[in-house]
Amino acid sequence: MKPEIKKGIYKHYKGKFYEVLHLAIHSETLEAMVVYKPLYKSDNYDADTLWVRPLTMFTEKVVVDGKLVDRFSFQKTSIKY
């Protein structure tokens, strides 16, 4: 089955927003990787810095205050520039 993720804006469980741009495949392991960017300014990284995270980790649930919540939750389709 081909891995998929909906492109658009996601909210991290800690509150910041990110835009999912693509789904990539790791060249050595063939693991699906989510390509995304933060939608906030950072003192440590340029605004155009892209990030990758394994799809399994991006879509997993985490325990927060004793409750299972999505690590990233879909909010809406991508913003228009």
PDB file of N, CA and C in Angstrom:
ATOM      1  N   MET A   1       0.842  -1.183   0.000  1.00  0.00           N
ATOM      2  CA  MET A   1       0.000   0.000   0.000  1.00  0.00           C
ATOM      3  C   MET A   1       0.887   1.245   0.000  1.00  0.00           C
ATOM      4  N   LYS A   2       0.584   2.182  -0.867  1.00  0.00           N
ATOM      5  CA  LYS A   2       1.359   3.409  -0.989  1.00  0.00           C
ATOM      6  C   LYS A   2       1.069   4.326   0.205  1.00  0.00           C
ATOM      7  N   PRO A   3       2.123   4.800   0.895  1.00  0.00           N
ATOM      8  CA  PRO A   3       1.898   5.700   2.033  1.00  0.00           C
ATOM      9  C   PRO A   3       1.329   7.038   1.562  1.00  0.00           C
ATOM     10  N   GLU A   4       0.472   7.620   2.389  1.00  0.00           N
ATOM     11  CA  GLU A   4      -0.151   8.900   2.049  1.00  0.00           C
ATOM     12  C   GLU A   4      -0.272   9.773   3.282  1.00  0.00           C
ATOM     13  N   ILE A   5      -0.284  11.087   3.044  1.00  0.00           N
ATOM     14  CA  ILE A   5      -0.617  12.055   4.085  1.00  0.00           C
ATOM     15  C   ILE A   5      -1.281  13.240   3.398  1.00  0.00           C
ATOM     16  N   LYS A   6      -2.251  13.811   4.053  1.00  0.00           N
ATOM     17  CA  LYS A   6      -2.951  14.963   3.507  1.00  0.00           C
ATOM     18  C   LYS A   6      -2.069  16.198   3.656  1.00  0.00           C
ATOM     19  N   LYS A   7      -1.850  16.905   2.553  1.00  0.00           N
ATOM     20  CA  LYS A   7      -1.090  18.154   2.607  1.00  0.00           C
ATOM     21  C   LYS A   7      -1.945  19.221   3.255  1.00  0.00           C
ATOM     22  N   GLY A   8      -1.294  20.112   4.002  1.00  0.00           N
ATOM     23  CA  GLY A   8      -2.022  21.198   4.637  1.00  0.00           C
ATOM     24  C   GLY A   8      -1.399  21.604   5.950  1.00  0.00           C
ATOM     25  N   ILE A   9      -2.187  22.266   6.764  1.00  0.00           N
ATOM     26  CA  ILE A   9      -1.720  22.818   8.032  1.00  0.00           C
ATOM     27  C   ILE A   9      -2.038  21.845   9.159  1.00  0.00           C
ATOM     28  N   TYR A  10      -1.044  21.592   9.990  1.00  0.00           N
ATOM     29  CA  TYR A  10      -1.186  20.702  11.136  1.00  0.00           C
ATOM     30  C   TYR A  10      -0.780  21.447  12.399  1.00  0.00           C
ATOM     31  N   LYS A  11      -1.418  21.088  13.480  1.00  0.00           N
ATOM     32  CA  LYS A  11      -1.068  21.660  14.784  1.00  0.00           C
ATOM     33  C   LYS A  11      -0.359  20.587  15.596  1.00  0.00           C
ATOM     34  N   HIS A  12       0.825  20.915  16.090  1.00  0.00           N
ATOM     35  CA  HIS A  12       1.572  20.020  16.961  1.00  0.00           C
ATOM     36  C   HIS A  12       0.920  20.025  18.332  1.00  0.00           C
ATOM     37  N   TYR A  13       1.001  18.936  19.043  1.00  0.00           N
ATOM     38  CA  TYR A  13       0.326  18.858  20.342  1.00  0.00           C
ATOM     39  C   TYR A  13       0.831  19.896  21.340  1.00  0.00           C
ATOM     40  N   LYS A  14       2.010  20.476  21.095  1.00  0.00           N
ATOM     41  CA  LYS A  14       2.511  21.537  21.977  1.00  0.00           C
ATOM     42  C   LYS A  14       1.999  22.918  21.559  1.00  0.00           C
ATOM     43  N   GLY A  15       1.261  22.994  20.416  1.00  0.00           N
ATOM     44  CA  GLY A  15       0.579  24.227  20.058  1.00  0.00           C
ATOM     45  C   GLY A  15       1.035  24.966  18.817  1.00  0.00           C
ATOM     46  N   LYS A  16       2.221  24.658  18.279  1.00  0.00           N
ATOM     47  CA  LYS A  16       2.695  25.396  17.103  1.00  0.00           C
ATOM     48  C   LYS A  16       2.158  24.755  15.826  1.00  0.00           C
ATOM     49  N   PHE A  17       2.152  25.560  14.743  1.00  0.00           N
ATOM     50  CA  PHE A  17       1.584  25.115  13.474  1.00  0.00           C
ATOM     51  C   PHE A  17       2.672  24.854  12.433  1.00  0.00           C
ATOM     52  N   TYR A  18       2.391  23.884  11.572  1.00  0.00           N
ATOM     53  CA  TYR A  18       3.321  23.448  10.541  1.00  0.00           C
ATOM     54  C   TYR A  18       2.549  23.171   9.262  1.00  0.00           C
ATOM     55  N   GLU A  19       3.234  23.314   8.122  1.00  0.00           N
ATOM     56  CA  GLU A  19       2.615  22.983   6.848  1.00  0.00           C
ATOM     57  C   GLU A  19       3.288  21.755   6.253  1.00  0.00           C
ATOM     58  N   VAL A  20       2.496  20.720   5.994  1.00  0.00           N
ATOM     59  CA  VAL A  20       2.995  19.512   5.337  1.00  0.00           C
ATOM     60  C   VAL A  20       3.043  19.798   3.845  1.00  0.00           C
ATOM     61  N   LEU A  21       4.232  19.610   3.257  1.00  0.00           N
ATOM     62  CA  LEU A  21       4.453  19.935   1.846  1.00  0.00           C
ATOM     63  C   LEU A  21       4.467  18.712   0.944  1.00  0.00           C
ATOM     64  N   HIS A  22       5.112  17.643   1.412  1.00  0.00           N
ATOM     65  CA  HIS A  22       5.316  16.464   0.571  1.00  0.00           C
ATOM     66  C   HIS A  22       5.470  15.226   1.435  1.00  0.00           C
ATOM     67  N   LEU A  23       5.427  14.098   0.761  1.00  0.00           N
ATOM     68  CA  LEU A  23       5.793  12.832   1.356  1.00  0.00           C
ATOM     69  C   LEU A  23       6.995  12.334   0.560  1.00  0.00           C
ATOM     70  N   ALA A  24       8.075  12.010   1.228  1.00  0.00           N
ATOM     71  CA  ALA A  24       9.296  11.546   0.574  1.00  0.00           C
ATOM     72  C   ALA A  24       9.592  10.120   1.035  1.00  0.00           C
ATOM     73  N   ILE A  25      10.457   9.453   0.296  1.00  0.00           N
ATOM     74  CA  ILE A  25      10.872   8.099   0.649  1.00  0.00           C
ATOM     75  C   ILE A  25      12.370   8.112   0.928  1.00  0.00           C
ATOM     76  N   HIS A  26      12.763   7.598   2.076  1.00  0.00           N
ATOM     77  CA  HIS A  26      14.177   7.517   2.453  1.00  0.00           C
ATOM     78  C   HIS A  26      14.892   6.588   1.476  1.00  0.00           C
ATOM     79  N   SER A  27      16.002   7.038   0.934  1.00  0.00           N
ATOM     80  CA  SER A  27      16.686   6.295  -0.126  1.00  0.00           C
ATOM     81  C   SER A  27      17.291   4.970   0.328  1.00  0.00           C
ATOM     82  N   GLU A  28      17.629   4.847   1.580  1.00  0.00           N
ATOM     83  CA  GLU A  28      18.251   3.615   2.075  1.00  0.00           C
ATOM     84  C   GLU A  28      17.246   2.648   2.686  1.00  0.00           C
ATOM     85  N   THR A  29      16.310   3.176   3.465  1.00  0.00           N
ATOM     86  CA  THR A  29      15.388   2.309   4.202  1.00  0.00           C
ATOM     87  C   THR A  29      14.022   2.177   3.546  1.00  0.00           C
ATOM     88  N   LEU A  30      13.738   3.051   2.579  1.00  0.00           N
ATOM     89  CA  LEU A  30      12.446   3.140   1.905  1.00  0.00           C
ATOM     90  C   LEU A  30      11.315   3.542   2.851  1.00  0.00           C
ATOM     91  N   GLU A  31      11.684   4.100   4.000  1.00  0.00           N
ATOM     92  CA  GLU A  31      10.698   4.568   4.962  1.00  0.00           C
ATOM     93  C   GLU A  31      10.062   5.867   4.467  1.00  0.00           C
ATOM     94  N   ALA A  32       8.750   5.978   4.617  1.00  0.00           N
ATOM     95  CA  ALA A  32       8.036   7.200   4.229  1.00  0.00           C
ATOM     96  C   ALA A  32       8.377   8.310   5.220  1.00  0.00           C
ATOM     97  N   MET A  33       8.707   9.491   4.687  1.00  0.00           N
ATOM     98  CA  MET A  33       9.099  10.648   5.493  1.00  0.00           C
ATOM     99  C   MET A  33       8.214  11.834   5.125  1.00  0.00           C
ATOM    100  N   VAL A  34       7.720  12.542   6.124  1.00  0.00           N
ATOM    101  CA  VAL A  34       6.912  13.745   5.911  1.00  0.00           C
ATOM    102  C   VAL A  34       7.853  14.943   5.799  1.00  0.00           C
ATOM    103  N   VAL A  35       7.683  15.741   4.754  1.00  0.00           N
ATOM    104  CA  VAL A  35       8.453  16.972   4.566  1.00  0.00           C
ATOM    105  C   VAL A  35       7.538  18.128   4.961  1.00  0.00           C
ATOM    106  N   TYR A  36       7.988  18.927   5.937  1.00  0.00           N
ATOM    107  CA  TYR A  36       7.132  19.997   6.445  1.00  0.00           C
ATOM    108  C   TYR A  36       7.961  21.202   6.858  1.00  0.00           C
ATOM    109  N   LYS A  37       7.255  22.319   7.074  1.00  0.00           N
ATOM    110  CA  LYS A  37       7.949  23.529   7.516  1.00  0.00           C
ATOM    111  C   LYS A  37       7.156  24.179   8.642  1.00  0.00           C
ATOM    112  N   PRO A  38       7.864  24.826   9.556  1.00  0.00           N
ATOM    113  CA  PRO A  38       7.170  25.539  10.631  1.00  0.00           C
ATOM    114  C   PRO A  38       6.508  26.804  10.096  1.00  0.00           C
ATOM    115  N   LEU A  39       5.409  27.175  10.698  1.00  0.00           N
ATOM    116  CA  LEU A  39       4.713  28.405  10.317  1.00  0.00           C
ATOM    117  C   LEU A  39       4.873  29.462  11.405  1.00  0.00           C
ATOM    118  N   TYR A  40       6.076  29.507  11.950  1.00  0.00           N
ATOM    119  CA  TYR A  40       6.404  30.484  12.987  1.00  0.00           C
ATOM    120  C   TYR A  40       7.873  30.848  12.840  1.00  0.00           C
ATOM    121  N   LYS A  41       8.246  31.978  13.375  1.00  0.00           N
ATOM    122  CA  LYS A  41       9.639  32.426  13.317  1.00  0.00           C
ATOM    123  C   LYS A  41      10.446  31.737  14.414  1.00  0.00           C
ATOM    124  N   SER A  42      11.702  31.443  14.085  1.00  0.00           N
ATOM    125  CA  SER A  42      12.601  30.798  15.035  1.00  0.00           C
ATOM    126  C   SER A  42      13.909  31.567  15.081  1.00  0.00           C
ATOM    127  N   ASP A  43      14.481  31.686  16.243  1.00  0.00           N
ATOM    128  CA  ASP A  43      15.786  32.326  16.383  1.00  0.00           C
ATOM    129  C   ASP A  43      16.906  31.391  15.920  1.00  0.00           C
ATOM    130  N   ASN A  44      16.608  30.108  15.820  1.00  0.00           N
ATOM    131  CA  ASN A  44      17.639  29.113  15.518  1.00  0.00           C
ATOM    132  C   ASN A  44      17.723  28.706  14.057  1.00  0.00           C
ATOM    133  N   TYR A  45      16.639  28.901  13.283  1.00  0.00           N
ATOM    134  CA  TYR A  45      16.602  28.419  11.905  1.00  0.00           C
ATOM    135  C   TYR A  45      15.971  29.457  11.002  1.00  0.00           C
ATOM    136  N   ASP A  46      16.381  29.446   9.724  1.00  0.00           N
ATOM    137  CA  ASP A  46      15.791  30.336   8.728  1.00  0.00           C
ATOM    138  C   ASP A  46      14.331  29.972   8.497  1.00  0.00           C
ATOM    139  N   ALA A  47      13.559  30.941   8.030  1.00  0.00           N
ATOM    140  CA  ALA A  47      12.128  30.728   7.790  1.00  0.00           C
ATOM    141  C   ALA A  47      11.865  29.680   6.717  1.00  0.00           C
ATOM    142  N   ASP A  48      12.803  29.483   5.800  1.00  0.00           N
ATOM    143  CA  ASP A  48      12.590  28.523   4.713  1.00  0.00           C
ATOM    144  C   ASP A  48      13.176  27.138   4.998  1.00  0.00           C
ATOM    145  N   THR A  49      13.578  26.877   6.238  1.00  0.00           N
ATOM    146  CA  THR A  49      14.121  25.574   6.602  1.00  0.00           C
ATOM    147  C   THR A  49      13.032  24.514   6.538  1.00  0.00           C
ATOM    148  N   LEU A  50      13.324  23.415   5.837  1.00  0.00           N
ATOM    149  CA  LEU A  50      12.389  22.293   5.751  1.00  0.00           C
ATOM    150  C   LEU A  50      12.831  21.208   6.718  1.00  0.00           C
ATOM    151  N   TRP A  51      11.847  20.480   7.222  1.00  0.00           N
ATOM    152  CA  TRP A  51      12.090  19.419   8.179  1.00  0.00           C
ATOM    153  C   TRP A  51      11.516  18.114   7.644  1.00  0.00           C
ATOM    154  N   VAL A  52      12.067  17.004   8.098  1.00  0.00           N
ATOM    155  CA  VAL A  52      11.512  15.691   7.765  1.00  0.00           C
ATOM    156  C   VAL A  52      11.348  14.895   9.049  1.00  0.00           C
ATOM    157  N   ARG A  53      10.348  14.051   9.044  1.00  0.00           N
ATOM    158  CA  ARG A  53      10.070  13.185  10.184  1.00  0.00           C
ATOM    159  C   ARG A  53       9.425  11.928   9.608  1.00  0.00           C
ATOM    160  N   PRO A  54       9.751  10.764  10.142  1.00  0.00           N
ATOM    161  CA  PRO A  54       9.099   9.545   9.644  1.00  0.00           C
ATOM    162  C   PRO A  54       7.579   9.663   9.741  1.00  0.00           C
ATOM    163  N   LEU A  55       6.891   9.203   8.704  1.00  0.00           N
ATOM    164  CA  LEU A  55       5.436   9.250   8.674  1.00  0.00           C
ATOM    165  C   LEU A  55       4.841   8.561   9.902  1.00  0.00           C
ATOM    166  N   THR A  56       5.419   7.452  10.304  1.00  0.00           N
ATOM    167  CA  THR A  56       4.890   6.735  11.469  1.00  0.00           C
ATOM    168  C   THR A  56       4.954   7.595  12.723  1.00  0.00           C
ATOM    169  N   MET A  57       6.020   8.376  12.866  1.00  0.00           N
ATOM    170  CA  MET A  57       6.158   9.244  14.029  1.00  0.00           C
ATOM    171  C   MET A  57       5.229  10.457  13.907  1.00  0.00           C
ATOM    172  N   PHE A  58       5.124  11.011  12.709  1.00  0.00           N
ATOM    173  CA  PHE A  58       4.284  12.187  12.482  1.00  0.00           C
ATOM    174  C   PHE A  58       2.826  11.885  12.817  1.00  0.00           C
ATOM    175  N   THR A  59       2.370  10.689  12.481  1.00  0.00           N
ATOM    176  CA  THR A  59       0.958  10.342  12.636  1.00  0.00           C
ATOM    177  C   THR A  59       0.648   9.586  13.930  1.00  0.00           C
ATOM    178  N   GLU A  60       1.653   9.363  14.765  1.00  0.00           N
ATOM    179  CA  GLU A  60       1.408   8.596  15.988  1.00  0.00           C
ATOM    180  C   GLU A  60       0.717   9.428  17.057  1.00  0.00           C
ATOM    181  N   LYS A  61       0.242   8.750  18.055  1.00  0.00           N
ATOM    182  CA  LYS A  61      -0.346   9.399  19.227  1.00  0.00           C
ATOM    183  C   LYS A  61       0.697   9.447  20.333  1.00  0.00           C
ATOM    184  N   VAL A  62       0.597  10.485  21.163  1.00  0.00           N
ATOM    185  CA  VAL A  62       1.496  10.657  22.294  1.00  0.00           C
ATOM    186  C   VAL A  62       0.648  10.854  23.548  1.00  0.00           C
ATOM    187  N   VAL A  63       1.223  10.562  24.700  1.00  0.00           N
ATOM    188  CA  VAL A  63       0.514  10.729  25.957  1.00  0.00           C
ATOM    189  C   VAL A  63       0.796  12.126  26.517  1.00  0.00           C
ATOM    190  N   VAL A  64      -0.275  12.883  26.736  1.00  0.00           N
ATOM    191  CA  VAL A  64      -0.188  14.228  27.314  1.00  0.00           C
ATOM    192  C   VAL A  64      -1.171  14.285  28.477  1.00  0.00           C
ATOM    193  N   ASP A  65      -0.652  14.543  29.652  1.00  0.00           N
ATOM    194  CA  ASP A  65      -1.496  14.597  30.858  1.00  0.00           C
ATOM    195  C   ASP A  65      -2.353  13.339  31.010  1.00  0.00           C
ATOM    196  N   GLY A  66      -1.753  12.204  30.699  1.00  0.00           N
ATOM    197  CA  GLY A  66      -2.439  10.928  30.854  1.00  0.00           C
ATOM    198  C   GLY A  66      -3.411  10.565  29.742  1.00  0.00           C
ATOM    199  N   LYS A  67      -3.513  11.408  28.702  1.00  0.00           N
ATOM    200  CA  LYS A  67      -4.429  11.144  27.590  1.00  0.00           C
ATOM    201  C   LYS A  67      -3.660  10.952  26.296  1.00  0.00           C
ATOM    202  N   LEU A  68      -4.160  10.058  25.425  1.00  0.00           N
ATOM    203  CA  LEU A  68      -3.578   9.863  24.104  1.00  0.00           C
ATOM    204  C   LEU A  68      -4.097  10.953  23.165  1.00  0.00           C
ATOM    205  N   VAL A  69      -3.180  11.684  22.541  1.00  0.00           N
ATOM    206  CA  VAL A  69      -3.549  12.727  21.572  1.00  0.00           C
ATOM    207  C   VAL A  69      -2.669  12.575  20.339  1.00  0.00           C
ATOM    208  N   ASP A  70      -3.121  13.112  19.221  1.00  0.00           N
ATOM    209  CA  ASP A  70      -2.319  13.096  17.998  1.00  0.00           C
ATOM    210  C   ASP A  70      -1.083  13.968  18.185  1.00  0.00           C
ATOM    211  N   ARG A  71       0.068  13.481  17.711  1.00  0.00           N
ATOM    212  CA  ARG A  71       1.281  14.307  17.740  1.00  0.00           C
ATOM    213  C   ARG A  71       1.055  15.550  16.879  1.00  0.00           C
ATOM    214  N   PHE A  72       0.519  15.357  15.683  1.00  0.00           N
ATOM    215  CA  PHE A  72       0.142  16.443  14.780  1.00  0.00           C
ATOM    216  C   PHE A  72      -1.306  16.214  14.369  1.00  0.00           C
ATOM    217  N   SER A  73      -2.135  17.234  14.477  1.00  0.00           N
ATOM    218  CA  SER A  73      -3.532  17.099  14.060  1.00  0.00           C
ATOM    219  C   SER A  73      -3.810  18.016  12.878  1.00  0.00           C
ATOM    220  N   PHE A  74      -4.460  17.448  11.863  1.00  0.00           N
ATOM    221  CA  PHE A  74      -4.784  18.201  10.666  1.00  0.00           C
ATOM    222  C   PHE A  74      -5.759  19.317  10.997  1.00  0.00           C
ATOM    223  N   GLN A  75      -5.512  20.518  10.466  1.00  0.00           N
ATOM    224  CA  GLN A  75      -6.356  21.687  10.711  1.00  0.00           C
ATOM    225  C   GLN A  75      -7.126  22.123   9.468  1.00  0.00           C
ATOM    226  N   LYS A  76      -6.395  22.308   8.370  1.00  0.00           N
ATOM    227  CA  LYS A  76      -7.014  22.767   7.131  1.00  0.00           C
ATOM    228  C   LYS A  76      -6.046  22.572   5.977  1.00  0.00           C
ATOM    229  N   THR A  77      -6.567  22.752   4.756  1.00  0.00           N
ATOM    230  CA  THR A  77      -5.698  22.640   3.594  1.00  0.00           C
ATOM    231  C   THR A  77      -4.702  23.795   3.585  1.00  0.00           C
ATOM    232  N   SER A  78      -3.701  23.682   2.767  1.00  0.00           N
ATOM    233  CA  SER A  78      -2.590  24.646   2.747  1.00  0.00           C
ATOM    234  C   SER A  78      -3.050  26.082   2.548  1.00  0.00           C
ATOM    235  N   ILE A  79      -2.267  26.980   3.135  1.00  0.00           N
ATOM    236  CA  ILE A  79      -2.522  28.409   2.953  1.00  0.00           C
ATOM    237  C   ILE A  79      -2.086  28.819   1.548  1.00  0.00           C
ATOM    238  N   LYS A  80      -2.713  29.821   1.026  1.00  0.00           N
ATOM    239  CA  LYS A  80      -2.362  30.332  -0.317  1.00  0.00           C
ATOM    240  C   LYS A  80      -1.431  31.520  -0.152  1.00  0.00           C
ATOM    241  N   TYR A  81      -0.395  31.570  -0.987  1.00  0.00           N
ATOM    242  CA  TYR A  81       0.563  32.663  -0.920  1.00  0.00           C
ATOM    243  C   TYR A  81       0.283  33.671  -2.004  1.00  0.00           C
TER     244      TYR A  81
END
